[in-house]
Amino acid sequence: MTRNIALYLLIPMALHAAALTQGERDRAMSELHASRKIVIDATSGLSQKQLNWKASPEKWSIAEVVEHLAMTENFLFGLYKQVAAGPADPSAKAAQKDEDFLKSIRSRDQKVKAPDQATPKKSFPGTAAALAAFKERRDNTIAYVEKTQDQDLRLKIVPDFKMDAYQIFLLLAAHAQRHTDQINEVKATSGFPKK
């Protein structure tokens, strides 16, 4: 009887402290791997002239997009760590379901200004170094998702964005996909160098 009471008392704690489900973990890792690959594929074989070409002074070059992705990987992972370390709120709920959230981030219909921490500033010696930094940082993110036992990520919300801590992993993936579309737009623009 005492054992049954002890188990009954532990049930609310077990329900409250939840790590990622295998489905959530697999989804995040799949999205992160796929978006890593498309960034690499979209930039593969481009010349320095192509990487640095701009359609207009206010638009980003492919080199600047790659630098932005490398910077953002650290910036958003830092945001994740802050949110994940915060308290859980049992009444918390993200504003969008994961699929809708991914679609909204991937869409280039609405332009978004990058924060200062993620604005290209020629922080790397060249595009190859920026791409290497992106790959390394993304690999670290993927390794983290694979092993993390962080708790209650669905109950920890980023206040200004109404996304939960888990969705930051999806944000990293969708953000890279969004900017790969931008890279492809640059490549399809009239005047883009042939070599």
N, C-alpha and C. Protein backbone atom coordinates (compact mmCIF):
# COMPACT_ATOMS: atom_id res chain seq x y z
N MET A 1 0.82 -1.19 0.00
CA MET A 1 0.00 0.00 0.00
C MET A 1 0.87 1.26 0.00
N THR A 2 1.91 1.28 0.86
CA THR A 2 2.80 2.45 0.92
C THR A 2 3.49 2.66 -0.42
N ARG A 3 3.86 1.56 -1.06
CA ARG A 3 4.53 1.67 -2.36
C ARG A 3 3.60 2.30 -3.39
N ASN A 4 2.31 1.92 -3.38
CA ASN A 4 1.34 2.49 -4.32
C ASN A 4 1.16 3.98 -4.09
N ILE A 5 1.16 4.42 -2.85
CA ILE A 5 1.03 5.84 -2.53
C ILE A 5 2.25 6.59 -3.05
N ALA A 6 3.44 6.01 -2.86
CA ALA A 6 4.66 6.65 -3.34
C ALA A 6 4.63 6.80 -4.86
N LEU A 7 4.18 5.77 -5.58
CA LEU A 7 4.08 5.86 -7.03
C LEU A 7 3.05 6.91 -7.43
N TYR A 8 1.94 6.98 -6.73
CA TYR A 8 0.90 7.96 -7.02
C TYR A 8 1.44 9.38 -6.85
N LEU A 9 2.26 9.60 -5.85
CA LEU A 9 2.83 10.92 -5.60
C LEU A 9 3.86 11.31 -6.66
N LEU A 10 4.53 10.32 -7.27
CA LEU A 10 5.54 10.60 -8.29
C LEU A 10 4.93 10.89 -9.66
N ILE A 11 3.70 10.47 -9.91
CA ILE A 11 3.09 10.64 -11.23
C ILE A 11 3.03 12.11 -11.65
N PRO A 12 2.56 13.04 -10.80
CA PRO A 12 2.54 14.44 -11.26
C PRO A 12 3.93 14.97 -11.61
N MET A 13 4.95 14.55 -10.86
CA MET A 13 6.32 15.00 -11.17
C MET A 13 6.76 14.46 -12.52
N ALA A 14 6.44 13.21 -12.82
CA ALA A 14 6.83 12.61 -14.09
C ALA A 14 6.11 13.28 -15.25
N LEU A 15 4.83 13.63 -15.05
CA LEU A 15 4.08 14.29 -16.10
C LEU A 15 4.59 15.70 -16.33
N HIS A 16 5.02 16.35 -15.27
CA HIS A 16 5.47 17.73 -15.40
C HIS A 16 6.85 17.83 -16.03
N ALA A 17 7.78 17.01 -15.62
CA ALA A 17 9.15 17.09 -16.12
C ALA A 17 9.30 16.15 -17.31
N ALA A 18 9.09 16.71 -18.51
CA ALA A 18 9.12 15.88 -19.71
C ALA A 18 10.26 16.30 -20.63
N ALA A 19 11.05 15.31 -21.02
CA ALA A 19 12.11 15.53 -22.01
C ALA A 19 11.45 15.47 -23.40
N LEU A 20 12.23 15.71 -24.43
CA LEU A 20 11.71 15.60 -25.79
C LEU A 20 11.21 14.19 -26.04
N THR A 21 10.13 14.06 -26.78
CA THR A 21 9.71 12.74 -27.24
C THR A 21 10.65 12.33 -28.36
N GLN A 22 10.70 11.05 -28.66
CA GLN A 22 11.55 10.60 -29.77
C GLN A 22 11.09 11.23 -31.08
N GLY A 23 9.78 11.40 -31.25
CA GLY A 23 9.25 12.03 -32.46
C GLY A 23 9.72 13.48 -32.59
N GLU A 24 9.69 14.23 -31.50
CA GLU A 24 10.16 15.62 -31.52
C GLU A 24 11.65 15.67 -31.83
N ARG A 25 12.40 14.81 -31.20
CA ARG A 25 13.85 14.77 -31.40
C ARG A 25 14.17 14.44 -32.87
N ASP A 26 13.49 13.41 -33.40
CA ASP A 26 13.72 13.00 -34.79
C ASP A 26 13.33 14.10 -35.76
N ARG A 27 12.21 14.77 -35.49
CA ARG A 27 11.75 15.84 -36.39
C ARG A 27 12.76 16.99 -36.42
N ALA A 28 13.20 17.42 -35.25
CA ALA A 28 14.16 18.53 -35.18
C ALA A 28 15.46 18.15 -35.88
N MET A 29 15.97 16.95 -35.61
CA MET A 29 17.23 16.54 -36.23
C MET A 29 17.09 16.43 -37.74
N SER A 30 15.97 15.90 -38.22
CA SER A 30 15.73 15.79 -39.65
C SER A 30 15.70 17.17 -40.31
N GLU A 31 14.98 18.11 -39.70
CA GLU A 31 14.90 19.48 -40.24
C GLU A 31 16.27 20.15 -40.23
N LEU A 32 17.02 19.97 -39.16
CA LEU A 32 18.35 20.59 -39.04
C LEU A 32 19.33 20.00 -40.05
N HIS A 33 19.31 18.68 -40.22
CA HIS A 33 20.20 18.04 -41.20
C HIS A 33 19.85 18.50 -42.62
N ALA A 34 18.55 18.48 -42.95
CA ALA A 34 18.11 18.82 -44.30
C ALA A 34 18.47 20.26 -44.65
N SER A 35 18.26 21.17 -43.71
CA SER A 35 18.54 22.58 -44.01
C SER A 35 20.05 22.83 -44.09
N ARG A 36 20.83 22.09 -43.33
CA ARG A 36 22.30 22.18 -43.44
C ARG A 36 22.73 21.80 -44.86
N LYS A 37 22.17 20.70 -45.35
CA LYS A 37 22.54 20.20 -46.68
C LYS A 37 22.16 21.18 -47.78
N ILE A 38 20.97 21.78 -47.70
CA ILE A 38 20.56 22.66 -48.80
C ILE A 38 21.40 23.95 -48.83
N VAL A 39 21.84 24.42 -47.67
CA VAL A 39 22.74 25.59 -47.66
C VAL A 39 24.05 25.24 -48.35
N ILE A 40 24.61 24.09 -48.01
CA ILE A 40 25.87 23.66 -48.62
C ILE A 40 25.70 23.47 -50.13
N ASP A 41 24.62 22.81 -50.53
CA ASP A 41 24.37 22.57 -51.96
C ASP A 41 24.19 23.88 -52.72
N ALA A 42 23.47 24.83 -52.13
CA ALA A 42 23.18 26.09 -52.82
C ALA A 42 24.43 26.95 -53.03
N THR A 43 25.43 26.75 -52.20
CA THR A 43 26.64 27.58 -52.28
C THR A 43 27.81 26.84 -52.93
N SER A 44 27.63 25.59 -53.20
CA SER A 44 28.71 24.76 -53.75
C SER A 44 29.12 25.22 -55.15
N GLY A 45 30.42 25.33 -55.36
CA GLY A 45 30.96 25.63 -56.68
C GLY A 45 30.85 27.07 -57.13
N LEU A 46 30.40 27.96 -56.27
CA LEU A 46 30.27 29.37 -56.66
C LEU A 46 31.63 30.07 -56.59
N SER A 47 31.87 30.94 -57.54
CA SER A 47 33.12 31.70 -57.56
C SER A 47 33.04 32.86 -56.57
N GLN A 48 34.18 33.48 -56.28
CA GLN A 48 34.20 34.65 -55.40
C GLN A 48 33.34 35.78 -55.98
N LYS A 49 33.39 35.92 -57.28
CA LYS A 49 32.59 36.95 -57.95
C LYS A 49 31.10 36.70 -57.72
N GLN A 50 30.70 35.43 -57.86
CA GLN A 50 29.29 35.08 -57.65
C GLN A 50 28.90 35.25 -56.18
N LEU A 51 29.77 34.83 -55.28
CA LEU A 51 29.47 34.93 -53.84
C LEU A 51 29.31 36.38 -53.39
N ASN A 52 30.07 37.27 -53.97
CA ASN A 52 30.07 38.67 -53.52
C ASN A 52 29.18 39.59 -54.35
N TRP A 53 28.56 39.07 -55.40
CA TRP A 53 27.70 39.88 -56.26
C TRP A 53 26.43 40.30 -55.53
N LYS A 54 26.02 41.55 -55.75
CA LYS A 54 24.80 42.08 -55.15
C LYS A 54 23.89 42.61 -56.26
N ALA A 55 22.62 42.29 -56.16
CA ALA A 55 21.65 42.78 -57.13
C ALA A 55 21.47 44.29 -57.00
N SER A 56 21.65 44.80 -55.79
CA SER A 56 21.60 46.24 -55.54
C SER A 56 22.31 46.50 -54.21
N PRO A 57 22.72 47.73 -53.94
CA PRO A 57 23.49 48.01 -52.72
C PRO A 57 22.80 47.60 -51.42
N GLU A 58 21.47 47.68 -51.37
CA GLU A 58 20.76 47.36 -50.12
C GLU A 58 20.47 45.86 -49.96
N LYS A 59 20.71 45.08 -51.00
CA LYS A 59 20.46 43.64 -50.91
C LYS A 59 21.73 42.91 -50.50
N TRP A 60 21.55 41.75 -49.85
CA TRP A 60 22.68 40.96 -49.42
C TRP A 60 23.25 40.13 -50.56
N SER A 61 24.55 39.96 -50.53
CA SER A 61 25.20 39.00 -51.42
C SER A 61 25.05 37.61 -50.81
N ILE A 62 25.38 36.59 -51.59
CA ILE A 62 25.36 35.22 -51.06
C ILE A 62 26.36 35.10 -49.91
N ALA A 63 27.51 35.74 -50.04
CA ALA A 63 28.51 35.71 -48.96
C ALA A 63 27.92 36.27 -47.66
N GLU A 64 27.16 37.35 -47.78
CA GLU A 64 26.54 37.94 -46.58
C GLU A 64 25.47 37.04 -45.99
N VAL A 65 24.73 36.36 -46.85
CA VAL A 65 23.71 35.42 -46.36
C VAL A 65 24.38 34.29 -45.57
N VAL A 66 25.47 33.76 -46.10
CA VAL A 66 26.19 32.67 -45.42
C VAL A 66 26.73 33.16 -44.08
N GLU A 67 27.29 34.35 -44.05
CA GLU A 67 27.78 34.90 -42.78
C GLU A 67 26.64 35.05 -41.79
N HIS A 68 25.51 35.55 -42.26
CA HIS A 68 24.33 35.70 -41.41
C HIS A 68 23.90 34.36 -40.82
N LEU A 69 23.91 33.32 -41.63
CA LEU A 69 23.52 31.99 -41.14
C LEU A 69 24.47 31.50 -40.06
N ALA A 70 25.76 31.72 -40.25
CA ALA A 70 26.75 31.30 -39.25
C ALA A 70 26.54 32.07 -37.94
N MET A 71 26.29 33.37 -38.05
CA MET A 71 26.08 34.19 -36.86
C MET A 71 24.78 33.81 -36.15
N THR A 72 23.75 33.58 -36.93
CA THR A 72 22.43 33.27 -36.38
C THR A 72 22.41 31.94 -35.64
N GLU A 73 23.18 30.99 -36.11
CA GLU A 73 23.20 29.67 -35.45
C GLU A 73 23.60 29.84 -33.99
N ASN A 74 24.64 30.63 -33.73
CA ASN A 74 25.06 30.87 -32.34
C ASN A 74 24.05 31.74 -31.59
N PHE A 75 23.59 32.78 -32.25
CA PHE A 75 22.65 33.72 -31.62
C PHE A 75 21.38 32.99 -31.17
N LEU A 76 20.78 32.20 -32.05
CA LEU A 76 19.53 31.51 -31.70
C LEU A 76 19.75 30.36 -30.73
N PHE A 77 20.90 29.70 -30.83
CA PHE A 77 21.18 28.63 -29.86
C PHE A 77 21.37 29.25 -28.47
N GLY A 78 21.97 30.43 -28.40
CA GLY A 78 22.08 31.14 -27.13
C GLY A 78 20.71 31.49 -26.56
N LEU A 79 19.80 31.90 -27.44
CA LEU A 79 18.42 32.18 -27.01
C LEU A 79 17.79 30.91 -26.46
N TYR A 80 17.99 29.79 -27.17
CA TYR A 80 17.46 28.51 -26.69
C TYR A 80 17.95 28.21 -25.27
N LYS A 81 19.25 28.34 -25.05
CA LYS A 81 19.81 28.02 -23.73
C LYS A 81 19.18 28.90 -22.64
N GLN A 82 18.96 30.17 -22.94
CA GLN A 82 18.32 31.07 -21.97
C GLN A 82 16.90 30.61 -21.65
N VAL A 83 16.14 30.33 -22.69
CA VAL A 83 14.73 29.95 -22.51
C VAL A 83 14.65 28.59 -21.83
N ALA A 84 15.47 27.63 -22.26
CA ALA A 84 15.43 26.28 -21.68
C ALA A 84 15.81 26.28 -20.21
N ALA A 85 16.65 27.23 -19.79
CA ALA A 85 17.06 27.31 -18.39
C ALA A 85 16.01 27.98 -17.51
N GLY A 86 15.03 28.60 -18.13
CA GLY A 86 13.99 29.31 -17.38
C GLY A 86 12.95 28.37 -16.80
N PRO A 87 12.03 28.95 -16.03
CA PRO A 87 10.99 28.13 -15.41
C PRO A 87 9.92 27.70 -16.40
N ALA A 88 9.35 26.54 -16.14
CA ALA A 88 8.24 26.04 -16.96
C ALA A 88 6.95 26.67 -16.46
N ASP A 89 6.04 26.90 -17.37
CA ASP A 89 4.72 27.42 -17.03
C ASP A 89 3.69 26.41 -17.53
N PRO A 90 3.04 25.67 -16.63
CA PRO A 90 2.10 24.62 -17.05
C PRO A 90 0.98 25.13 -17.96
N SER A 91 0.70 26.43 -17.94
CA SER A 91 -0.35 26.97 -18.80
C SER A 91 0.20 27.48 -20.14
N ALA A 92 1.51 27.40 -20.33
CA ALA A 92 2.14 27.95 -21.52
C ALA A 92 1.80 27.14 -22.76
N LYS A 93 1.68 27.85 -23.88
CA LYS A 93 1.42 27.19 -25.15
C LYS A 93 1.91 28.08 -26.27
N ALA A 94 2.62 27.48 -27.22
CA ALA A 94 3.11 28.24 -28.37
C ALA A 94 1.93 28.73 -29.20
N ALA A 95 2.13 29.83 -29.91
CA ALA A 95 1.06 30.44 -30.69
C ALA A 95 0.69 29.59 -31.92
N GLN A 96 1.66 28.83 -32.45
CA GLN A 96 1.41 28.03 -33.65
C GLN A 96 1.84 26.59 -33.45
N LYS A 97 1.15 25.70 -34.15
CA LYS A 97 1.59 24.31 -34.19
C LYS A 97 2.89 24.26 -35.00
N ASP A 98 3.66 23.22 -34.79
CA ASP A 98 4.99 23.12 -35.41
C ASP A 98 4.95 23.29 -36.93
N GLU A 99 4.02 22.63 -37.60
CA GLU A 99 3.99 22.70 -39.07
C GLU A 99 3.69 24.12 -39.54
N ASP A 100 2.73 24.78 -38.89
CA ASP A 100 2.40 26.17 -39.25
C ASP A 100 3.57 27.10 -38.93
N PHE A 101 4.25 26.83 -37.83
CA PHE A 101 5.41 27.63 -37.44
C PHE A 101 6.51 27.52 -38.50
N LEU A 102 6.81 26.30 -38.93
CA LEU A 102 7.82 26.08 -39.96
C LEU A 102 7.45 26.82 -41.25
N LYS A 103 6.20 26.72 -41.67
CA LYS A 103 5.76 27.39 -42.89
C LYS A 103 5.92 28.91 -42.77
N SER A 104 5.56 29.45 -41.64
CA SER A 104 5.65 30.91 -41.48
C SER A 104 7.09 31.40 -41.50
N ILE A 105 8.01 30.64 -40.94
CA ILE A 105 9.42 31.04 -40.94
C ILE A 105 10.03 30.87 -42.32
N ARG A 106 9.69 29.79 -43.01
CA ARG A 106 10.25 29.54 -44.34
C ARG A 106 9.80 30.57 -45.37
N SER A 107 8.60 31.09 -45.20
CA SER A 107 8.02 32.01 -46.18
C SER A 107 8.84 33.28 -46.31
N ARG A 108 9.08 33.69 -47.54
CA ARG A 108 9.80 34.94 -47.80
C ARG A 108 8.83 36.06 -48.17
N ASP A 109 7.54 35.83 -47.94
CA ASP A 109 6.53 36.85 -48.25
C ASP A 109 6.70 38.10 -47.40
N GLN A 110 7.09 37.89 -46.15
CA GLN A 110 7.27 39.03 -45.24
C GLN A 110 8.77 39.19 -44.95
N LYS A 111 9.29 40.35 -45.26
CA LYS A 111 10.71 40.62 -45.00
C LYS A 111 10.91 40.93 -43.52
N VAL A 112 12.03 40.48 -42.98
CA VAL A 112 12.36 40.68 -41.57
C VAL A 112 13.77 41.26 -41.50
N LYS A 113 13.93 42.30 -40.71
CA LYS A 113 15.27 42.89 -40.52
C LYS A 113 16.04 42.07 -39.49
N ALA A 114 17.25 41.72 -39.84
CA ALA A 114 18.09 40.93 -38.94
C ALA A 114 18.50 41.77 -37.74
N PRO A 115 18.54 41.18 -36.55
CA PRO A 115 19.04 41.93 -35.39
C PRO A 115 20.54 42.22 -35.56
N ASP A 116 21.03 43.19 -34.83
CA ASP A 116 22.45 43.58 -34.94
C ASP A 116 23.38 42.39 -34.73
N GLN A 117 23.03 41.50 -33.79
CA GLN A 117 23.90 40.36 -33.48
C GLN A 117 24.03 39.39 -34.66
N ALA A 118 23.15 39.51 -35.66
CA ALA A 118 23.17 38.59 -36.79
C ALA A 118 23.28 39.31 -38.13
N THR A 119 23.64 40.58 -38.10
CA THR A 119 23.82 41.34 -39.33
C THR A 119 25.25 41.14 -39.83
N PRO A 120 25.41 40.79 -41.12
CA PRO A 120 26.77 40.56 -41.66
C PRO A 120 27.68 41.77 -41.45
N LYS A 121 28.88 41.49 -40.96
CA LYS A 121 29.87 42.53 -40.68
C LYS A 121 31.26 42.12 -41.15
N LYS A 122 31.33 41.17 -42.06
CA LYS A 122 32.62 40.61 -42.49
C LYS A 122 33.39 40.06 -41.28
N SER A 123 32.67 39.27 -40.48
CA SER A 123 33.22 38.69 -39.26
C SER A 123 34.15 37.51 -39.52
N PHE A 124 34.15 37.02 -40.76
CA PHE A 124 34.96 35.86 -41.12
C PHE A 124 35.94 36.27 -42.23
N PRO A 125 37.07 35.59 -42.34
CA PRO A 125 38.05 35.95 -43.37
C PRO A 125 37.53 35.76 -44.80
N GLY A 126 36.46 35.04 -44.96
CA GLY A 126 35.89 34.81 -46.28
C GLY A 126 34.67 33.90 -46.18
N THR A 127 34.03 33.67 -47.31
CA THR A 127 32.81 32.85 -47.32
C THR A 127 33.10 31.41 -46.93
N ALA A 128 34.24 30.88 -47.34
CA ALA A 128 34.58 29.50 -46.97
C ALA A 128 34.66 29.36 -45.45
N ALA A 129 35.22 30.35 -44.78
CA ALA A 129 35.32 30.31 -43.31
C ALA A 129 33.94 30.46 -42.68
N ALA A 130 33.10 31.31 -43.25
CA ALA A 130 31.74 31.48 -42.72
C ALA A 130 30.93 30.21 -42.90
N LEU A 131 31.08 29.57 -44.07
CA LEU A 131 30.36 28.32 -44.32
C LEU A 131 30.86 27.21 -43.39
N ALA A 132 32.17 27.16 -43.16
CA ALA A 132 32.73 26.17 -42.23
C ALA A 132 32.20 26.40 -40.82
N ALA A 133 32.09 27.67 -40.43
CA ALA A 133 31.55 27.99 -39.09
C ALA A 133 30.09 27.59 -39.01
N PHE A 134 29.31 27.86 -40.06
CA PHE A 134 27.90 27.44 -40.08
C PHE A 134 27.80 25.94 -39.92
N LYS A 135 28.59 25.18 -40.71
CA LYS A 135 28.52 23.72 -40.64
C LYS A 135 28.89 23.21 -39.25
N GLU A 136 29.96 23.76 -38.69
CA GLU A 136 30.39 23.32 -37.35
C GLU A 136 29.33 23.65 -36.30
N ARG A 137 28.80 24.85 -36.36
CA ARG A 137 27.79 25.24 -35.38
C ARG A 137 26.51 24.43 -35.55
N ARG A 138 26.12 24.17 -36.79
CA ARG A 138 24.93 23.35 -37.02
C ARG A 138 25.17 21.92 -36.54
N ASP A 139 26.36 21.38 -36.77
CA ASP A 139 26.68 20.03 -36.26
C ASP A 139 26.58 19.99 -34.74
N ASN A 140 27.03 21.05 -34.09
CA ASN A 140 26.93 21.13 -32.62
C ASN A 140 25.47 21.18 -32.17
N THR A 141 24.65 21.92 -32.91
CA THR A 141 23.22 21.99 -32.59
C THR A 141 22.58 20.61 -32.74
N ILE A 142 22.89 19.94 -33.84
CA ILE A 142 22.33 18.60 -34.08
C ILE A 142 22.76 17.63 -32.98
N ALA A 143 24.03 17.66 -32.61
CA ALA A 143 24.53 16.78 -31.54
C ALA A 143 23.82 17.08 -30.23
N TYR A 144 23.55 18.35 -29.98
CA TYR A 144 22.85 18.74 -28.75
C TYR A 144 21.42 18.17 -28.75
N VAL A 145 20.72 18.35 -29.86
CA VAL A 145 19.34 17.85 -29.95
C VAL A 145 19.31 16.34 -29.78
N GLU A 146 20.29 15.67 -30.33
CA GLU A 146 20.34 14.20 -30.26
C GLU A 146 20.44 13.70 -28.82
N LYS A 147 21.13 14.45 -27.97
CA LYS A 147 21.41 13.94 -26.61
C LYS A 147 20.71 14.69 -25.48
N THR A 148 20.15 15.86 -25.74
CA THR A 148 19.64 16.66 -24.64
C THR A 148 18.55 15.96 -23.82
N GLN A 149 18.61 16.20 -22.55
CA GLN A 149 17.55 15.75 -21.65
C GLN A 149 16.88 16.97 -21.01
N ASP A 150 17.04 18.14 -21.63
CA ASP A 150 16.38 19.35 -21.13
C ASP A 150 14.89 19.07 -20.96
N GLN A 151 14.34 19.62 -19.93
CA GLN A 151 12.96 19.32 -19.54
C GLN A 151 11.98 20.43 -19.92
N ASP A 152 10.76 20.00 -20.18
CA ASP A 152 9.61 20.91 -20.33
C ASP A 152 9.79 21.98 -21.39
N LEU A 153 10.40 21.64 -22.50
CA LEU A 153 10.66 22.64 -23.54
C LEU A 153 9.37 23.21 -24.13
N ARG A 154 8.31 22.42 -24.10
CA ARG A 154 7.02 22.89 -24.61
C ARG A 154 6.33 23.86 -23.65
N LEU A 155 6.81 23.92 -22.42
CA LEU A 155 6.20 24.78 -21.40
C LEU A 155 7.05 26.01 -21.12
N LYS A 156 8.00 26.29 -22.00
CA LYS A 156 8.88 27.46 -21.85
C LYS A 156 8.75 28.29 -23.13
N ILE A 157 8.20 29.47 -23.00
CA ILE A 157 7.84 30.29 -24.16
C ILE A 157 8.78 31.49 -24.29
N VAL A 158 9.16 31.79 -25.53
CA VAL A 158 9.91 33.02 -25.83
C VAL A 158 8.86 34.13 -25.90
N PRO A 159 8.85 35.05 -24.92
CA PRO A 159 7.73 36.00 -24.80
C PRO A 159 7.40 36.79 -26.05
N ASP A 160 8.36 37.42 -26.68
CA ASP A 160 8.06 38.28 -27.82
C ASP A 160 7.62 37.52 -29.07
N PHE A 161 7.98 36.26 -29.14
CA PHE A 161 7.72 35.50 -30.37
C PHE A 161 6.67 34.40 -30.19
N LYS A 162 6.26 34.15 -28.98
CA LYS A 162 5.21 33.15 -28.69
C LYS A 162 5.53 31.77 -29.26
N MET A 163 6.83 31.45 -29.29
CA MET A 163 7.22 30.09 -29.67
C MET A 163 7.79 29.42 -28.43
N ASP A 164 7.69 28.09 -28.40
CA ASP A 164 8.24 27.39 -27.25
C ASP A 164 9.71 27.07 -27.50
N ALA A 165 10.39 26.64 -26.45
CA ALA A 165 11.84 26.40 -26.55
C ALA A 165 12.16 25.36 -27.61
N TYR A 166 11.36 24.31 -27.72
CA TYR A 166 11.59 23.29 -28.76
C TYR A 166 11.54 23.92 -30.14
N GLN A 167 10.62 24.83 -30.35
CA GLN A 167 10.45 25.42 -31.68
C GLN A 167 11.66 26.26 -32.11
N ILE A 168 12.54 26.60 -31.17
CA ILE A 168 13.77 27.30 -31.56
C ILE A 168 14.62 26.40 -32.45
N PHE A 169 14.61 25.09 -32.21
CA PHE A 169 15.33 24.17 -33.09
C PHE A 169 14.72 24.19 -34.49
N LEU A 170 13.39 24.23 -34.55
CA LEU A 170 12.71 24.30 -35.84
C LEU A 170 12.98 25.63 -36.51
N LEU A 171 13.06 26.69 -35.71
CA LEU A 171 13.38 28.02 -36.23
C LEU A 171 14.75 28.01 -36.91
N LEU A 172 15.74 27.41 -36.28
CA LEU A 172 17.08 27.33 -36.87
C LEU A 172 17.03 26.65 -38.24
N ALA A 173 16.27 25.57 -38.33
CA ALA A 173 16.18 24.85 -39.60
C ALA A 173 15.42 25.66 -40.65
N ALA A 174 14.27 26.17 -40.29
CA ALA A 174 13.44 26.92 -41.25
C ALA A 174 14.13 28.22 -41.67
N HIS A 175 14.85 28.83 -40.76
CA HIS A 175 15.58 30.05 -41.07
C HIS A 175 16.64 29.78 -42.15
N ALA A 176 17.34 28.66 -42.04
CA ALA A 176 18.34 28.30 -43.06
C ALA A 176 17.66 28.01 -44.40
N GLN A 177 16.48 27.39 -44.35
CA GLN A 177 15.74 27.13 -45.59
C GLN A 177 15.29 28.45 -46.23
N ARG A 178 14.81 29.36 -45.41
CA ARG A 178 14.37 30.67 -45.89
C ARG A 178 15.52 31.38 -46.62
N HIS A 179 16.70 31.34 -46.02
CA HIS A 179 17.83 32.04 -46.62
C HIS A 179 18.44 31.27 -47.79
N THR A 180 18.22 29.97 -47.85
CA THR A 180 18.62 29.23 -49.05
C THR A 180 17.75 29.68 -50.22
N ASP A 181 16.47 29.91 -49.96
CA ASP A 181 15.61 30.47 -51.01
C ASP A 181 16.13 31.83 -51.45
N GLN A 182 16.61 32.63 -50.49
CA GLN A 182 17.19 33.92 -50.82
C GLN A 182 18.43 33.75 -51.71
N ILE A 183 19.29 32.80 -51.36
CA ILE A 183 20.47 32.51 -52.17
C ILE A 183 20.06 32.15 -53.60
N ASN A 184 19.04 31.30 -53.71
CA ASN A 184 18.58 30.88 -55.04
C ASN A 184 17.96 32.04 -55.81
N GLU A 185 17.31 32.97 -55.10
CA GLU A 185 16.78 34.17 -55.75
C GLU A 185 17.92 35.01 -56.31
N VAL A 186 19.00 35.15 -55.54
CA VAL A 186 20.16 35.93 -56.00
C VAL A 186 20.71 35.28 -57.28
N LYS A 187 20.85 33.96 -57.25
CA LYS A 187 21.41 33.24 -58.40
C LYS A 187 20.52 33.36 -59.64
N ALA A 188 19.23 33.55 -59.43
CA ALA A 188 18.29 33.65 -60.55
C ALA A 188 18.08 35.09 -61.02
N THR A 189 18.70 36.05 -60.36
CA THR A 189 18.53 37.46 -60.70
C THR A 189 19.29 37.81 -61.97
N SER A 190 18.67 38.61 -62.80
CA SER A 190 19.33 39.09 -64.02
C SER A 190 20.62 39.81 -63.65
N GLY A 191 21.68 39.48 -64.33
CA GLY A 191 22.97 40.11 -64.06
C GLY A 191 23.88 39.29 -63.17
N PHE A 192 23.35 38.21 -62.58
CA PHE A 192 24.20 37.35 -61.73
C PHE A 192 25.33 36.79 -62.58
N PRO A 193 26.58 36.90 -62.13
CA PRO A 193 27.71 36.44 -62.96
C PRO A 193 27.62 34.96 -63.32
N LYS A 194 28.01 34.67 -64.55
CA LYS A 194 27.96 33.26 -65.00
C LYS A 194 29.07 32.44 -64.35
N LYS A 195 30.20 33.11 -63.96
CA LYS A 195 31.31 32.43 -63.30
C LYS A 195 31.92 33.32 -62.25
